């Protein structure tokens, strides 16, 4: 456990399967699942399987669209106690030089500070979190377009 990499409570991630070079995420050990903001999403069929097409805005207000194969639909309780049905999919996440595959769900996080949460299921056995630090593994990443669904 002591040899695990340490994340700050906020990190820059890349989601290469979704074409996102950099997105800011809150590292949230209180959240079971990881969540990605989407302004809209639409379920469609491809090769007899369910897929989702969704969109979020980049830092420069450009609409970025991506697609992923749906692996599950589950009820998720948010921090306010509200339960919503969410679509889940797998995607690769790059944090610094580490690359892992995680399960992510979609939600409208427009009114929240961070467009993505990295939850404890993705963190367990892979990372420790320093709640007093930010950007411990991602500070050395190149300066590329970040993804934000809202203005700062």
Protein backbone atom coordinates (compact mmCIF):
# COMPACT_ATOMS: atom_id res chain seq x y z
CA UNK A 1 0.00 0.00 0.00
CA UNK A 2 2.85 2.39 0.81
CA UNK A 3 4.31 1.98 -2.69
CA UNK A 4 1.16 3.19 -4.46
CA UNK A 5 1.40 6.49 -6.36
CA UNK A 6 -0.11 9.46 -4.54
CA UNK A 7 -2.74 11.64 -6.21
CA UNK A 8 -3.77 15.10 -5.13
CA UNK A 9 -7.46 15.77 -4.51
CA UNK A 10 -7.60 17.28 -8.01
CA UNK A 11 -5.69 16.04 -11.08
CA UNK A 12 -5.52 16.50 -14.84
CA UNK A 13 -6.47 13.33 -16.71
CA UNK A 14 -6.50 12.29 -20.35
CA UNK A 15 -9.30 10.16 -21.80
CA UNK A 16 -7.69 8.93 -25.03
CA UNK A 17 -10.56 6.59 -26.02
CA UNK A 18 -12.85 9.63 -25.99
CA UNK A 19 -10.42 11.96 -27.74
CA UNK A 20 -9.91 14.20 -24.70
CA UNK A 21 -6.28 15.24 -24.24
CA UNK A 22 -6.83 16.75 -20.81
CA UNK A 23 -9.74 17.11 -18.41
CA UNK A 24 -9.73 18.27 -14.81
CA UNK A 25 -11.06 15.75 -12.30
CA UNK A 26 -11.84 15.78 -8.62
CA UNK A 27 -10.40 12.73 -6.90
CA UNK A 28 -13.34 11.73 -4.73
CA UNK A 29 -12.94 8.83 -2.30
CA UNK A 30 -16.49 9.49 -1.11
CA UNK A 31 -17.92 8.61 -4.53
CA UNK A 32 -18.10 4.92 -5.40
CA UNK A 33 -18.15 5.39 -9.17
CA UNK A 34 -16.39 7.72 -11.57
CA UNK A 35 -18.54 10.24 -13.40
CA UNK A 36 -18.09 12.36 -16.53
CA UNK A 37 -20.07 15.48 -17.40
CA UNK A 38 -22.16 15.41 -20.57
CA UNK A 39 -24.39 18.20 -21.84
CA UNK A 40 -26.46 15.68 -23.73
CA UNK A 41 -26.37 11.99 -24.58
CA UNK A 42 -28.22 9.69 -26.92
CA UNK A 43 -28.37 5.90 -26.89
CA UNK A 44 -28.09 4.14 -30.25
CA UNK A 45 -27.52 0.64 -31.63
CA UNK A 46 -24.32 -0.54 -33.29
CA UNK A 47 -23.82 -4.20 -34.18
CA UNK A 48 -26.75 -5.21 -31.95
CA UNK A 49 -25.24 -3.55 -28.87
CA UNK A 50 -26.16 -0.35 -27.06
CA UNK A 51 -23.83 2.61 -27.45
CA UNK A 52 -24.03 6.18 -26.21
CA UNK A 53 -23.09 9.34 -28.09
CA UNK A 54 -22.54 12.33 -25.82
CA UNK A 55 -21.12 15.84 -25.81
CA UNK A 56 -19.36 18.21 -23.46
CA UNK A 57 -17.73 21.59 -23.94
CA UNK A 58 -14.00 22.18 -23.99
CA UNK A 59 -12.28 25.06 -22.25
CA UNK A 60 -12.71 27.11 -25.41
CA UNK A 61 -16.46 26.40 -25.52
CA UNK A 62 -16.13 23.98 -28.42
CA UNK A 63 -18.56 21.09 -28.38
CA UNK A 64 -16.69 17.79 -28.14
CA UNK A 65 -18.60 14.63 -29.06
CA UNK A 66 -17.61 11.08 -28.18
CA UNK A 67 -19.07 7.58 -28.29
CA UNK A 68 -18.75 4.56 -26.01
CA UNK A 69 -20.28 1.12 -25.72
CA UNK A 70 -22.70 0.89 -22.80
CA UNK A 71 -21.80 -1.86 -20.34
CA UNK A 72 -24.52 -1.25 -17.74
CA UNK A 73 -27.39 0.94 -16.57
CA UNK A 74 -27.61 1.47 -12.82
CA UNK A 75 -29.18 3.72 -10.23
CA UNK A 76 -26.66 6.10 -8.64
CA UNK A 77 -27.20 8.20 -5.53
CA UNK A 78 -25.49 11.61 -5.72
CA UNK A 79 -24.05 13.55 -2.79
CA UNK A 80 -27.42 15.27 -2.30
CA UNK A 81 -29.19 11.93 -1.90
CA UNK A 82 -30.94 12.04 -5.30
CA UNK A 83 -31.09 8.76 -7.21
CA UNK A 84 -30.83 8.76 -11.01
CA UNK A 85 -30.42 6.01 -13.59
CA UNK A 86 -27.06 6.32 -15.34
CA UNK A 87 -25.29 4.79 -18.30
CA UNK A 88 -21.91 3.15 -17.61
CA UNK A 89 -19.03 2.42 -19.99
CA UNK A 90 -15.34 1.50 -19.84
CA UNK A 91 -12.64 3.92 -20.94
CA UNK A 92 -8.90 4.33 -20.56
CA UNK A 93 -7.70 7.09 -18.24
CA UNK A 94 -4.19 8.48 -18.23
CA UNK A 95 -2.92 10.15 -15.06
CA UNK A 96 0.64 11.34 -15.48
CA UNK A 97 2.43 8.32 -16.95
CA UNK A 98 -0.09 5.78 -15.61
CA UNK A 99 -2.84 4.41 -17.86
CA UNK A 100 -5.74 2.37 -16.47
CA UNK A 101 -9.15 1.26 -17.70
CA UNK A 102 -12.04 2.35 -15.51
CA UNK A 103 -15.82 2.29 -15.43
CA UNK A 104 -17.44 5.71 -15.91
CA UNK A 105 -21.03 6.96 -15.85
CA UNK A 106 -22.50 10.03 -17.51
CA UNK A 107 -24.31 12.84 -15.71
CA UNK A 108 -24.97 16.52 -16.22
CA UNK A 109 -22.40 18.16 -13.92
CA UNK A 110 -22.84 21.64 -15.43
CA UNK A 111 -23.36 23.33 -12.06
CA UNK A 112 -20.42 21.57 -10.42
CA UNK A 113 -16.81 22.74 -10.30
CA UNK A 114 -15.17 19.72 -11.93
CA UNK A 115 -16.36 18.02 -15.12
CA UNK A 116 -15.20 14.63 -13.88
CA UNK A 117 -15.06 12.68 -10.63
CA UNK A 118 -12.61 9.84 -10.20
CA UNK A 119 -14.27 7.60 -7.62
CA UNK A 120 -12.92 5.05 -5.18
CA UNK A 121 -13.61 2.01 -7.39
CA UNK A 122 -11.08 3.39 -9.90
CA UNK A 123 -8.64 4.31 -7.11
CA UNK A 124 -8.73 1.17 -4.94
CA UNK A 125 -5.46 -0.73 -4.94
CA UNK A 126 -3.93 1.68 -7.47
CA UNK A 127 -3.49 5.04 -5.75
CA UNK A 128 -3.44 6.83 -2.44
CA UNK A 129 -4.86 10.36 -2.14
CA UNK A 130 -3.31 13.35 -0.36
CA UNK A 131 -6.30 15.54 0.48
CA UNK A 132 -4.06 18.58 1.07
CA UNK A 133 -2.36 18.60 -2.34
CA UNK A 134 -3.41 19.09 -5.96
CA UNK A 135 -1.90 17.94 -9.27
CA UNK A 136 0.70 15.59 -7.80
CA UNK A 137 0.88 13.25 -10.81
CA UNK A 138 -0.31 15.57 -13.54
CA UNK A 139 1.68 18.78 -13.05
CA UNK A 140 4.25 17.76 -15.67
CA UNK A 141 1.76 17.13 -18.47
CA UNK A 142 2.05 19.28 -21.58
CA UNK A 143 -0.17 22.33 -21.77
CA UNK A 144 -3.00 21.14 -24.02
CA UNK A 145 -6.65 22.02 -24.29
CA UNK A 146 -8.54 21.19 -21.11
CA UNK A 147 -12.15 20.17 -21.06
CA UNK A 148 -14.57 22.30 -19.08
CA UNK A 149 -18.33 22.33 -19.62
CA UNK A 150 -18.58 25.82 -18.16
CA UNK A 151 -16.73 29.09 -17.83
CA UNK A 152 -14.51 29.78 -14.85
